[in-house]
Amino acid sequence: MMTSQAIAAVPATQGTYRSDAVRLFAGFAGLGAAAVNLAVASSLFAAAGTDFPGRAAGATAALLWGAALLGWTVAGLSRNRFPMPRASALLLPAAAAAHVAAIVLGAGSGMAGLGISHLAALLLTLMILAATSWLGHRARNLPGGPGQNTSGRPGAGTLLAAAFAGALLVAAITTPGLAASTAGQFAVPHGEHAGGHHSP
């Protein structure tokens, strides 16, 4: 017959596994969103000039947000806890709103191609927001806080499978977003050389 402590340890262990998987998922989404934002910044910098002076400001904002998001994600994955939860809870929805505005306003500004990049960044941002919100709710409801009841967690193979599925989903969203940027449009397709093929 199982004791009350053994019974209580079962859901806690399962919850720890879910927290690990969700944290990895948030990390993958954060890395993808950072990459797409940096690609958007490079596209806007390339298009900015005397005719479109406002694009430089947008490019700077995308560059700063992409760099901040990259640092925040790396810190969260290395510390097993994402830093500045209150600030991120405010900044992530603001970033999502900015991507929505960019999609709407970019349709008639000659940068409609970046709509795919902004859509990818929007989806990734919402994924980060959902994952970190779940992690925050989980941490508040766990009696001992994060890291409790880590003994008996599922094997590395199960967590690796969950990580692979999360990475696959994030890559499926991130890749079109990067391809729609200026850098993506000028990238050399796989299997081709930068110099092209020369006929004899």
N, C-alpha and C. Protein backbone atom coordinates (compact mmCIF):
# COMPACT_ATOMS: atom_id res chain seq x y z
N MET A 1 0.85 -1.19 0.00
CA MET A 1 0.00 0.00 0.00
C MET A 1 0.88 1.24 0.00
N MET A 2 0.59 2.21 -0.90
CA MET A 2 1.42 3.39 -1.05
C MET A 2 1.13 4.38 0.07
N THR A 3 2.19 5.01 0.60
CA THR A 3 2.01 6.04 1.61
C THR A 3 1.53 7.32 0.96
N SER A 4 1.07 8.25 1.80
CA SER A 4 0.60 9.54 1.26
C SER A 4 1.73 10.31 0.62
N GLN A 5 2.98 10.18 1.15
CA GLN A 5 4.11 10.87 0.56
C GLN A 5 4.43 10.32 -0.82
N ALA A 6 4.33 8.99 -0.98
CA ALA A 6 4.60 8.39 -2.29
C ALA A 6 3.56 8.79 -3.31
N ILE A 7 2.31 8.87 -2.87
CA ILE A 7 1.24 9.28 -3.78
C ILE A 7 1.43 10.73 -4.22
N ALA A 8 1.85 11.58 -3.27
CA ALA A 8 2.04 12.99 -3.60
C ALA A 8 3.23 13.19 -4.52
N ALA A 9 4.21 12.28 -4.48
CA ALA A 9 5.40 12.43 -5.30
C ALA A 9 5.13 12.15 -6.76
N VAL A 10 4.10 11.35 -7.07
CA VAL A 10 3.84 10.99 -8.46
C VAL A 10 3.45 12.20 -9.30
N PRO A 11 2.40 12.98 -8.95
CA PRO A 11 2.07 14.13 -9.76
C PRO A 11 3.16 15.19 -9.76
N ALA A 12 3.92 15.29 -8.64
CA ALA A 12 4.99 16.29 -8.60
C ALA A 12 6.07 15.93 -9.61
N THR A 13 6.40 14.64 -9.72
CA THR A 13 7.41 14.21 -10.69
C THR A 13 6.93 14.44 -12.10
N GLN A 14 5.67 14.12 -12.37
CA GLN A 14 5.12 14.36 -13.70
C GLN A 14 5.11 15.85 -14.01
N GLY A 15 4.80 16.67 -13.00
CA GLY A 15 4.80 18.11 -13.20
C GLY A 15 6.18 18.65 -13.47
N THR A 16 7.19 18.06 -12.82
CA THR A 16 8.57 18.48 -13.06
C THR A 16 8.98 18.19 -14.49
N TYR A 17 8.60 17.02 -14.98
CA TYR A 17 8.88 16.66 -16.38
C TYR A 17 8.21 17.65 -17.33
N ARG A 18 6.95 17.96 -17.07
CA ARG A 18 6.25 18.91 -17.93
C ARG A 18 6.91 20.28 -17.89
N SER A 19 7.36 20.69 -16.71
CA SER A 19 8.04 21.99 -16.59
C SER A 19 9.32 22.01 -17.41
N ASP A 20 10.09 20.94 -17.36
CA ASP A 20 11.32 20.86 -18.15
C ASP A 20 11.01 20.96 -19.65
N ALA A 21 9.99 20.24 -20.08
CA ALA A 21 9.63 20.24 -21.50
C ALA A 21 9.14 21.62 -21.94
N VAL A 22 8.30 22.23 -21.12
CA VAL A 22 7.76 23.55 -21.46
C VAL A 22 8.87 24.60 -21.45
N ARG A 23 9.81 24.47 -20.52
CA ARG A 23 10.93 25.42 -20.46
C ARG A 23 11.80 25.31 -21.71
N LEU A 24 12.05 24.08 -22.16
CA LEU A 24 12.80 23.90 -23.40
C LEU A 24 12.05 24.49 -24.59
N PHE A 25 10.73 24.26 -24.61
CA PHE A 25 9.91 24.78 -25.69
C PHE A 25 9.96 26.30 -25.72
N ALA A 26 9.86 26.93 -24.55
CA ALA A 26 9.94 28.39 -24.47
C ALA A 26 11.31 28.87 -24.93
N GLY A 27 12.36 28.10 -24.58
CA GLY A 27 13.70 28.48 -25.00
C GLY A 27 13.87 28.41 -26.51
N PHE A 28 13.38 27.33 -27.12
CA PHE A 28 13.46 27.22 -28.57
C PHE A 28 12.70 28.36 -29.25
N ALA A 29 11.50 28.63 -28.74
CA ALA A 29 10.70 29.71 -29.31
C ALA A 29 11.39 31.05 -29.14
N GLY A 30 12.05 31.25 -27.99
CA GLY A 30 12.77 32.50 -27.76
C GLY A 30 13.93 32.67 -28.72
N LEU A 31 14.68 31.61 -28.96
CA LEU A 31 15.79 31.68 -29.91
C LEU A 31 15.27 31.95 -31.32
N GLY A 32 14.16 31.29 -31.68
CA GLY A 32 13.59 31.52 -33.01
C GLY A 32 13.08 32.94 -33.17
N ALA A 33 12.38 33.45 -32.15
CA ALA A 33 11.85 34.81 -32.22
C ALA A 33 12.98 35.83 -32.28
N ALA A 34 14.06 35.59 -31.52
CA ALA A 34 15.20 36.50 -31.56
C ALA A 34 15.81 36.53 -32.96
N ALA A 35 15.97 35.36 -33.57
CA ALA A 35 16.55 35.30 -34.92
C ALA A 35 15.69 36.02 -35.93
N VAL A 36 14.36 35.83 -35.85
CA VAL A 36 13.47 36.49 -36.80
C VAL A 36 13.48 38.00 -36.59
N ASN A 37 13.50 38.45 -35.36
CA ASN A 37 13.55 39.90 -35.10
C ASN A 37 14.83 40.52 -35.62
N LEU A 38 15.94 39.82 -35.46
CA LEU A 38 17.20 40.32 -36.00
C LEU A 38 17.18 40.35 -37.53
N ALA A 39 16.52 39.35 -38.13
CA ALA A 39 16.39 39.35 -39.59
C ALA A 39 15.51 40.51 -40.06
N VAL A 40 14.45 40.79 -39.31
CA VAL A 40 13.59 41.94 -39.64
C VAL A 40 14.40 43.23 -39.54
N ALA A 41 15.22 43.34 -38.50
CA ALA A 41 16.05 44.53 -38.33
C ALA A 41 16.99 44.73 -39.52
N SER A 42 17.62 43.65 -39.96
CA SER A 42 18.54 43.77 -41.10
C SER A 42 17.79 44.17 -42.37
N SER A 43 16.57 43.66 -42.55
CA SER A 43 15.78 44.01 -43.72
C SER A 43 15.40 45.48 -43.70
N LEU A 44 15.00 45.98 -42.53
CA LEU A 44 14.61 47.38 -42.41
C LEU A 44 15.81 48.30 -42.57
N PHE A 45 16.96 47.91 -42.04
CA PHE A 45 18.16 48.72 -42.22
C PHE A 45 18.54 48.78 -43.70
N ALA A 46 18.38 47.66 -44.41
CA ALA A 46 18.72 47.63 -45.83
C ALA A 46 17.78 48.50 -46.65
N ALA A 47 16.51 48.61 -46.21
CA ALA A 47 15.53 49.39 -46.96
C ALA A 47 15.46 50.85 -46.51
N ALA A 48 16.08 51.17 -45.37
CA ALA A 48 16.01 52.53 -44.85
C ALA A 48 16.87 53.47 -45.70
N GLY A 49 16.47 54.71 -45.74
CA GLY A 49 17.21 55.71 -46.50
C GLY A 49 16.49 57.05 -46.41
N THR A 50 16.83 57.91 -47.32
CA THR A 50 16.22 59.24 -47.30
C THR A 50 14.74 59.18 -47.61
N ASP A 51 14.32 58.17 -48.40
CA ASP A 51 12.90 58.05 -48.74
C ASP A 51 12.09 57.45 -47.60
N PHE A 52 12.71 56.64 -46.76
CA PHE A 52 12.01 55.96 -45.66
C PHE A 52 12.80 56.13 -44.37
N PRO A 53 12.86 57.37 -43.83
CA PRO A 53 13.65 57.56 -42.62
C PRO A 53 13.08 56.85 -41.41
N GLY A 54 11.77 56.59 -41.39
CA GLY A 54 11.16 55.93 -40.25
C GLY A 54 11.56 54.48 -40.11
N ARG A 55 12.03 53.87 -41.18
CA ARG A 55 12.40 52.46 -41.12
C ARG A 55 13.64 52.24 -40.26
N ALA A 56 14.50 53.25 -40.19
CA ALA A 56 15.70 53.11 -39.35
C ALA A 56 15.30 52.97 -37.88
N ALA A 57 14.28 53.71 -37.46
CA ALA A 57 13.82 53.62 -36.08
C ALA A 57 13.22 52.24 -35.81
N GLY A 58 12.43 51.74 -36.75
CA GLY A 58 11.86 50.41 -36.61
C GLY A 58 12.94 49.34 -36.60
N ALA A 59 13.96 49.53 -37.43
CA ALA A 59 15.06 48.57 -37.48
C ALA A 59 15.82 48.56 -36.16
N THR A 60 16.04 49.74 -35.58
CA THR A 60 16.74 49.82 -34.31
C THR A 60 15.94 49.14 -33.20
N ALA A 61 14.62 49.36 -33.20
CA ALA A 61 13.77 48.73 -32.19
C ALA A 61 13.80 47.21 -32.34
N ALA A 62 13.72 46.72 -33.58
CA ALA A 62 13.76 45.27 -33.81
C ALA A 62 15.11 44.69 -33.41
N LEU A 63 16.18 45.43 -33.68
CA LEU A 63 17.53 44.98 -33.31
C LEU A 63 17.68 44.87 -31.80
N LEU A 64 17.24 45.91 -31.09
CA LEU A 64 17.36 45.90 -29.63
C LEU A 64 16.50 44.81 -29.01
N TRP A 65 15.27 44.65 -29.54
CA TRP A 65 14.39 43.61 -28.99
C TRP A 65 14.92 42.22 -29.28
N GLY A 66 15.42 42.01 -30.49
CA GLY A 66 15.98 40.70 -30.84
C GLY A 66 17.18 40.36 -29.97
N ALA A 67 18.07 41.34 -29.74
CA ALA A 67 19.24 41.09 -28.91
C ALA A 67 18.84 40.84 -27.45
N ALA A 68 17.87 41.63 -26.95
CA ALA A 68 17.41 41.44 -25.58
C ALA A 68 16.74 40.08 -25.42
N LEU A 69 15.94 39.70 -26.41
CA LEU A 69 15.26 38.41 -26.35
C LEU A 69 16.25 37.26 -26.40
N LEU A 70 17.30 37.42 -27.18
CA LEU A 70 18.33 36.38 -27.24
C LEU A 70 19.02 36.22 -25.89
N GLY A 71 19.42 37.34 -25.29
CA GLY A 71 20.08 37.27 -23.99
C GLY A 71 19.17 36.71 -22.91
N TRP A 72 17.89 37.12 -22.94
CA TRP A 72 16.92 36.64 -21.95
C TRP A 72 16.71 35.14 -22.09
N THR A 73 16.65 34.65 -23.31
CA THR A 73 16.44 33.21 -23.54
C THR A 73 17.64 32.40 -23.10
N VAL A 74 18.83 32.85 -23.46
CA VAL A 74 20.04 32.13 -23.06
C VAL A 74 20.16 32.10 -21.54
N ALA A 75 19.87 33.23 -20.88
CA ALA A 75 19.91 33.28 -19.42
C ALA A 75 18.89 32.33 -18.81
N GLY A 76 17.70 32.27 -19.40
CA GLY A 76 16.66 31.39 -18.87
C GLY A 76 17.00 29.93 -19.00
N LEU A 77 17.60 29.55 -20.12
CA LEU A 77 17.97 28.15 -20.31
C LEU A 77 19.16 27.75 -19.45
N SER A 78 20.09 28.67 -19.25
CA SER A 78 21.28 28.33 -18.46
C SER A 78 20.97 28.30 -16.96
N ARG A 79 20.01 29.12 -16.52
CA ARG A 79 19.68 29.17 -15.09
C ARG A 79 18.49 28.28 -14.74
N ASN A 80 17.89 27.67 -15.74
CA ASN A 80 16.71 26.84 -15.53
C ASN A 80 15.52 27.66 -15.01
N ARG A 81 15.57 28.97 -15.25
CA ARG A 81 14.49 29.87 -14.84
C ARG A 81 14.64 31.16 -15.63
N PHE A 82 13.59 31.59 -16.29
CA PHE A 82 13.67 32.80 -17.10
C PHE A 82 13.68 34.04 -16.20
N PRO A 83 14.63 34.95 -16.43
CA PRO A 83 14.74 36.12 -15.56
C PRO A 83 13.65 37.17 -15.84
N MET A 84 13.53 38.10 -14.92
CA MET A 84 12.61 39.24 -15.04
C MET A 84 11.21 38.82 -15.47
N PRO A 85 10.53 37.96 -14.71
CA PRO A 85 9.21 37.48 -15.14
C PRO A 85 8.18 38.59 -15.28
N ARG A 86 8.23 39.59 -14.38
CA ARG A 86 7.24 40.67 -14.46
C ARG A 86 7.47 41.54 -15.69
N ALA A 87 8.73 41.86 -15.97
CA ALA A 87 9.03 42.67 -17.15
C ALA A 87 8.68 41.93 -18.43
N SER A 88 9.02 40.64 -18.48
CA SER A 88 8.72 39.87 -19.69
C SER A 88 7.22 39.71 -19.88
N ALA A 89 6.46 39.64 -18.78
CA ALA A 89 5.01 39.53 -18.90
C ALA A 89 4.40 40.79 -19.52
N LEU A 90 5.09 41.91 -19.43
CA LEU A 90 4.63 43.15 -20.06
C LEU A 90 5.20 43.33 -21.46
N LEU A 91 6.48 42.97 -21.63
CA LEU A 91 7.15 43.22 -22.91
C LEU A 91 6.72 42.25 -24.00
N LEU A 92 6.46 41.00 -23.65
CA LEU A 92 6.06 40.02 -24.67
C LEU A 92 4.72 40.38 -25.32
N PRO A 93 3.68 40.75 -24.56
CA PRO A 93 2.44 41.19 -25.23
C PRO A 93 2.64 42.46 -26.04
N ALA A 94 3.50 43.36 -25.56
CA ALA A 94 3.78 44.58 -26.32
C ALA A 94 4.46 44.25 -27.64
N ALA A 95 5.38 43.29 -27.62
CA ALA A 95 6.04 42.88 -28.85
C ALA A 95 5.06 42.23 -29.81
N ALA A 96 4.14 41.41 -29.27
CA ALA A 96 3.12 40.79 -30.11
C ALA A 96 2.25 41.85 -30.77
N ALA A 97 1.86 42.88 -30.01
CA ALA A 97 1.06 43.96 -30.58
C ALA A 97 1.83 44.71 -31.65
N ALA A 98 3.14 44.89 -31.44
CA ALA A 98 3.96 45.58 -32.44
C ALA A 98 4.04 44.78 -33.73
N HIS A 99 4.12 43.46 -33.62
CA HIS A 99 4.15 42.63 -34.84
C HIS A 99 2.82 42.68 -35.57
N VAL A 100 1.72 42.70 -34.82
CA VAL A 100 0.40 42.82 -35.46
C VAL A 100 0.32 44.15 -36.21
N ALA A 101 0.76 45.23 -35.57
CA ALA A 101 0.74 46.55 -36.22
C ALA A 101 1.62 46.57 -37.46
N ALA A 102 2.78 45.91 -37.39
CA ALA A 102 3.68 45.87 -38.54
C ALA A 102 3.06 45.11 -39.70
N ILE A 103 2.32 44.04 -39.39
CA ILE A 103 1.65 43.28 -40.45
C ILE A 103 0.60 44.13 -41.13
N VAL A 104 -0.18 44.85 -40.34
CA VAL A 104 -1.27 45.68 -40.89
C VAL A 104 -0.71 46.86 -41.66
N LEU A 105 0.25 47.58 -41.07
CA LEU A 105 0.77 48.79 -41.70
C LEU A 105 1.75 48.48 -42.83
N GLY A 106 2.38 47.32 -42.77
CA GLY A 106 3.37 47.00 -43.79
C GLY A 106 2.78 46.61 -45.12
N ALA A 107 1.48 46.33 -45.17
CA ALA A 107 0.86 45.89 -46.42
C ALA A 107 0.94 46.95 -47.50
N GLY A 108 0.87 48.22 -47.12
CA GLY A 108 0.90 49.28 -48.12
C GLY A 108 2.16 50.11 -48.10
N SER A 109 3.21 49.61 -47.48
CA SER A 109 4.43 50.41 -47.35
C SER A 109 5.57 49.90 -48.21
N GLY A 110 5.32 48.95 -49.07
CA GLY A 110 6.38 48.38 -49.88
C GLY A 110 7.19 47.32 -49.16
N MET A 111 6.79 46.98 -47.94
CA MET A 111 7.50 45.95 -47.17
C MET A 111 6.55 44.81 -46.85
N ALA A 112 5.61 44.54 -47.74
CA ALA A 112 4.62 43.49 -47.49
C ALA A 112 5.27 42.12 -47.33
N GLY A 113 6.43 41.92 -47.97
CA GLY A 113 7.10 40.64 -47.86
C GLY A 113 7.52 40.32 -46.44
N LEU A 114 7.77 41.37 -45.65
CA LEU A 114 8.15 41.15 -44.27
C LEU A 114 6.97 40.73 -43.40
N GLY A 115 5.76 40.75 -43.97
CA GLY A 115 4.59 40.32 -43.21
C GLY A 115 4.73 38.88 -42.73
N ILE A 116 5.36 38.04 -43.55
CA ILE A 116 5.58 36.65 -43.14
C ILE A 116 6.54 36.59 -41.96
N SER A 117 7.59 37.42 -42.01
CA SER A 117 8.54 37.45 -40.90
C SER A 117 7.86 37.92 -39.62
N HIS A 118 7.04 38.97 -39.73
CA HIS A 118 6.33 39.48 -38.56
C HIS A 118 5.31 38.47 -38.05
N LEU A 119 4.67 37.75 -38.97
CA LEU A 119 3.73 36.72 -38.54
C LEU A 119 4.44 35.60 -37.79
N ALA A 120 5.60 35.17 -38.31
CA ALA A 120 6.38 34.15 -37.62
C ALA A 120 6.81 34.64 -36.24
N ALA A 121 7.28 35.88 -36.17
CA ALA A 121 7.70 36.44 -34.88
C ALA A 121 6.52 36.54 -33.92
N LEU A 122 5.35 36.89 -34.45
CA LEU A 122 4.15 36.97 -33.62
C LEU A 122 3.79 35.62 -33.03
N LEU A 123 3.78 34.59 -33.86
CA LEU A 123 3.45 33.24 -33.37
C LEU A 123 4.46 32.76 -32.34
N LEU A 124 5.73 33.00 -32.59
CA LEU A 124 6.76 32.58 -31.65
C LEU A 124 6.65 33.35 -30.33
N THR A 125 6.33 34.64 -30.42
CA THR A 125 6.16 35.44 -29.21
C THR A 125 4.98 34.94 -28.39
N LEU A 126 3.89 34.61 -29.05
CA LEU A 126 2.73 34.07 -28.33
C LEU A 126 3.05 32.72 -27.69
N MET A 127 3.87 31.93 -28.36
CA MET A 127 4.28 30.65 -27.80
C MET A 127 5.13 30.85 -26.55
N ILE A 128 6.04 31.82 -26.60
CA ILE A 128 6.85 32.13 -25.42
C ILE A 128 5.96 32.59 -24.28
N LEU A 129 5.03 33.48 -24.61
CA LEU A 129 4.14 34.03 -23.59
C LEU A 129 3.31 32.95 -22.93
N ALA A 130 2.77 32.04 -23.74
CA ALA A 130 1.96 30.95 -23.19
C ALA A 130 2.81 30.03 -22.31
N ALA A 131 4.02 29.69 -22.78
CA ALA A 131 4.88 28.78 -22.03
C ALA A 131 5.34 29.40 -20.72
N THR A 132 5.78 30.66 -20.74
CA THR A 132 6.26 31.29 -19.51
C THR A 132 5.11 31.55 -18.54
N SER A 133 3.93 31.81 -19.06
CA SER A 133 2.77 31.97 -18.18
C SER A 133 2.46 30.66 -17.47
N TRP A 134 2.53 29.56 -18.21
CA TRP A 134 2.30 28.25 -17.59
C TRP A 134 3.36 27.95 -16.54
N LEU A 135 4.62 28.26 -16.86
CA LEU A 135 5.70 28.01 -15.91
C LEU A 135 5.54 28.84 -14.64
N GLY A 136 5.13 30.11 -14.81
CA GLY A 136 4.90 30.96 -13.65
C GLY A 136 3.76 30.47 -12.79
N HIS A 137 2.69 30.02 -13.42
CA HIS A 137 1.56 29.46 -12.68
C HIS A 137 1.97 28.19 -11.96
N ARG A 138 2.75 27.37 -12.62
CA ARG A 138 3.23 26.12 -12.03
C ARG A 138 4.12 26.40 -10.82
N ALA A 139 5.02 27.39 -10.94
CA ALA A 139 5.93 27.70 -9.84
C ALA A 139 5.17 28.24 -8.63
N ARG A 140 4.13 29.03 -8.86
CA ARG A 140 3.36 29.57 -7.74
C ARG A 140 2.59 28.49 -7.00
N ASN A 141 2.14 27.46 -7.73
CA ASN A 141 1.33 26.41 -7.12
C ASN A 141 2.16 25.28 -6.52
N LEU A 142 3.47 25.27 -6.78
CA LEU A 142 4.33 24.21 -6.25
C LEU A 142 4.76 24.59 -4.84
N PRO A 143 4.47 23.78 -3.84
CA PRO A 143 4.75 24.16 -2.45
C PRO A 143 6.20 24.55 -2.21
N GLY A 144 7.12 23.77 -2.73
CA GLY A 144 8.53 24.04 -2.47
C GLY A 144 9.18 24.91 -3.51
N GLY A 145 8.45 25.39 -4.50
CA GLY A 145 9.02 26.20 -5.54
C GLY A 145 9.66 25.35 -6.62
N PRO A 146 10.27 25.99 -7.62
CA PRO A 146 10.90 25.26 -8.71
C PRO A 146 12.02 24.35 -8.22
N GLY A 147 12.12 23.19 -8.82
CA GLY A 147 13.21 22.27 -8.51
C GLY A 147 12.85 21.23 -7.47
N GLN A 148 11.64 21.26 -6.93
CA GLN A 148 11.25 20.28 -5.94
C GLN A 148 10.92 18.94 -6.59
N ASN A 149 11.12 17.88 -5.82
CA ASN A 149 10.74 16.54 -6.24
C ASN A 149 11.35 16.16 -7.58
N THR A 150 12.63 16.34 -7.70
CA THR A 150 13.29 16.03 -8.97
C THR A 150 13.68 14.56 -9.09
N SER A 151 13.61 13.83 -7.99
CA SER A 151 13.98 12.42 -8.06
C SER A 151 12.90 11.63 -8.78
N GLY A 152 13.34 10.67 -9.56
CA GLY A 152 12.39 9.82 -10.25
C GLY A 152 11.77 10.44 -11.48
N ARG A 153 12.34 11.53 -11.99
CA ARG A 153 11.76 12.13 -13.19
C ARG A 153 12.00 11.22 -14.38
N PRO A 154 11.19 11.33 -15.43
CA PRO A 154 11.33 10.44 -16.58
C PRO A 154 12.73 10.51 -17.18
N GLY A 155 13.07 9.50 -17.94
CA GLY A 155 14.39 9.39 -18.50
C GLY A 155 14.69 10.46 -19.52
N ALA A 156 16.00 10.54 -19.86
CA ALA A 156 16.45 11.56 -20.81
C ALA A 156 15.84 11.34 -22.19
N GLY A 157 15.54 10.08 -22.54
CA GLY A 157 14.97 9.81 -23.85
C GLY A 157 13.60 10.44 -24.04
N THR A 158 12.78 10.41 -23.00
CA THR A 158 11.45 11.02 -23.09
C THR A 158 11.55 12.52 -23.22
N LEU A 159 12.43 13.13 -22.41
CA LEU A 159 12.61 14.57 -22.49
C LEU A 159 13.21 14.97 -23.83
N LEU A 160 14.11 14.14 -24.36
CA LEU A 160 14.72 14.42 -25.67
C LEU A 160 13.66 14.38 -26.77
N ALA A 161 12.72 13.43 -26.67
CA ALA A 161 11.65 13.35 -27.67
C ALA A 161 10.77 14.60 -27.61
N ALA A 162 10.46 15.06 -26.40
CA ALA A 162 9.65 16.27 -26.26
C ALA A 162 10.41 17.48 -26.79
N ALA A 163 11.72 17.54 -26.52
CA ALA A 163 12.53 18.65 -27.02
C ALA A 163 12.59 18.64 -28.54
N PHE A 164 12.70 17.46 -29.12
CA PHE A 164 12.75 17.35 -30.59
C PHE A 164 11.44 17.83 -31.21
N ALA A 165 10.32 17.44 -30.62
CA ALA A 165 9.02 17.87 -31.15
C ALA A 165 8.87 19.38 -31.05
N GLY A 166 9.29 19.95 -29.92
CA GLY A 166 9.22 21.40 -29.77
C GLY A 166 10.12 22.12 -30.76
N ALA A 167 11.34 21.62 -30.93
CA ALA A 167 12.27 22.24 -31.87
C ALA A 167 11.76 22.16 -33.30
N LEU A 168 11.11 21.05 -33.64
CA LEU A 168 10.56 20.88 -34.99
C LEU A 168 9.45 21.90 -35.25
N LEU A 169 8.59 22.09 -34.27
CA LEU A 169 7.50 23.07 -34.42
C LEU A 169 8.05 24.48 -34.55
N VAL A 170 9.02 24.82 -33.70
CA VAL A 170 9.61 26.16 -33.76
C VAL A 170 10.32 26.39 -35.08
N ALA A 171 11.04 25.37 -35.56
CA ALA A 171 11.75 25.50 -36.83
C ALA A 171 10.79 25.68 -37.99
N ALA A 172 9.63 25.00 -37.93
CA ALA A 172 8.64 25.12 -38.99
C ALA A 172 8.07 26.54 -39.08
N ILE A 173 8.07 27.25 -37.97
CA ILE A 173 7.59 28.64 -37.97
C ILE A 173 8.72 29.62 -38.26
N THR A 174 9.90 29.33 -37.70
CA THR A 174 11.02 30.26 -37.84
C THR A 174 11.57 30.31 -39.26
N THR A 175 11.67 29.17 -39.91
CA THR A 175 12.30 29.11 -41.23
C THR A 175 11.62 30.00 -42.27
N PRO A 176 10.27 29.96 -42.42
CA PRO A 176 9.66 30.88 -43.38
C PRO A 176 9.85 32.34 -42.99
N GLY A 177 9.87 32.61 -41.69
CA GLY A 177 10.10 33.99 -41.25
C GLY A 177 11.46 34.50 -41.64
N LEU A 178 12.47 33.66 -41.51
CA LEU A 178 13.82 34.05 -41.93
C LEU A 178 13.93 34.14 -43.45
N ALA A 179 13.28 33.21 -44.14
CA ALA A 179 13.35 33.20 -45.61
C ALA A 179 12.71 34.44 -46.22
N ALA A 180 11.71 35.01 -45.56
CA ALA A 180 11.01 36.19 -46.09
C ALA A 180 11.80 37.47 -45.88
N SER A 181 12.84 37.44 -45.07
CA SER A 181 13.64 38.64 -44.83
C SER A 181 14.58 38.88 -46.01
N THR A 182 15.20 40.05 -46.02
CA THR A 182 16.13 40.38 -47.10
C THR A 182 17.29 39.40 -47.15
N ALA A 183 17.83 39.05 -46.00
CA ALA A 183 18.92 38.09 -45.96
C ALA A 183 18.48 36.74 -46.50
N GLY A 184 17.26 36.33 -46.17
CA GLY A 184 16.75 35.05 -46.65
C GLY A 184 16.52 35.04 -48.15
N GLN A 185 16.09 36.17 -48.70
CA GLN A 185 15.83 36.24 -50.13
C GLN A 185 17.11 36.16 -50.95
N PHE A 186 18.22 36.63 -50.36
CA PHE A 186 19.50 36.60 -51.07
C PHE A 186 20.37 35.41 -50.69
N ALA A 187 19.83 34.54 -49.83
CA ALA A 187 20.61 33.37 -49.42
C ALA A 187 20.77 32.41 -50.58
N VAL A 188 21.89 31.72 -50.60
CA VAL A 188 22.16 30.74 -51.65
C VAL A 188 21.41 29.46 -51.31
N PRO A 189 20.60 28.94 -52.23
CA PRO A 189 19.88 27.69 -51.94
C PRO A 189 20.84 26.55 -51.67
N HIS A 190 20.36 25.57 -50.90
CA HIS A 190 21.19 24.40 -50.60
C HIS A 190 21.54 23.67 -51.90
N GLY A 191 22.79 23.25 -52.00
CA GLY A 191 23.23 22.50 -53.17
C GLY A 191 23.80 23.37 -54.27
N GLU A 192 23.75 24.71 -54.07
CA GLU A 192 24.30 25.61 -55.08
C GLU A 192 25.49 26.35 -54.49
N HIS A 193 26.38 26.81 -55.37
CA HIS A 193 27.55 27.56 -54.94
C HIS A 193 27.31 29.03 -55.14
N ALA A 194 27.96 29.83 -54.31
CA ALA A 194 27.73 31.28 -54.37
C ALA A 194 28.10 31.84 -55.73
N GLY A 195 29.08 31.25 -56.40
CA GLY A 195 29.50 31.78 -57.68
C GLY A 195 28.66 31.33 -58.85
N GLY A 196 27.72 30.43 -58.59
CA GLY A 196 26.89 29.95 -59.68
C GLY A 196 27.60 28.87 -60.48
N HIS A 197 26.90 28.36 -61.47
CA HIS A 197 27.47 27.31 -62.32
C HIS A 197 27.96 27.94 -63.62
N HIS A 198 29.08 27.49 -64.06
CA HIS A 198 29.67 28.01 -65.30
C HIS A 198 29.52 26.98 -66.41
N SER A 199 29.01 27.43 -67.51
CA SER A 199 28.87 26.53 -68.65
C SER A 199 30.22 26.40 -69.35
N PRO A 200 30.51 25.24 -69.92
CA PRO A 200 31.82 25.03 -70.58
C PRO A 200 31.95 25.88 -71.81
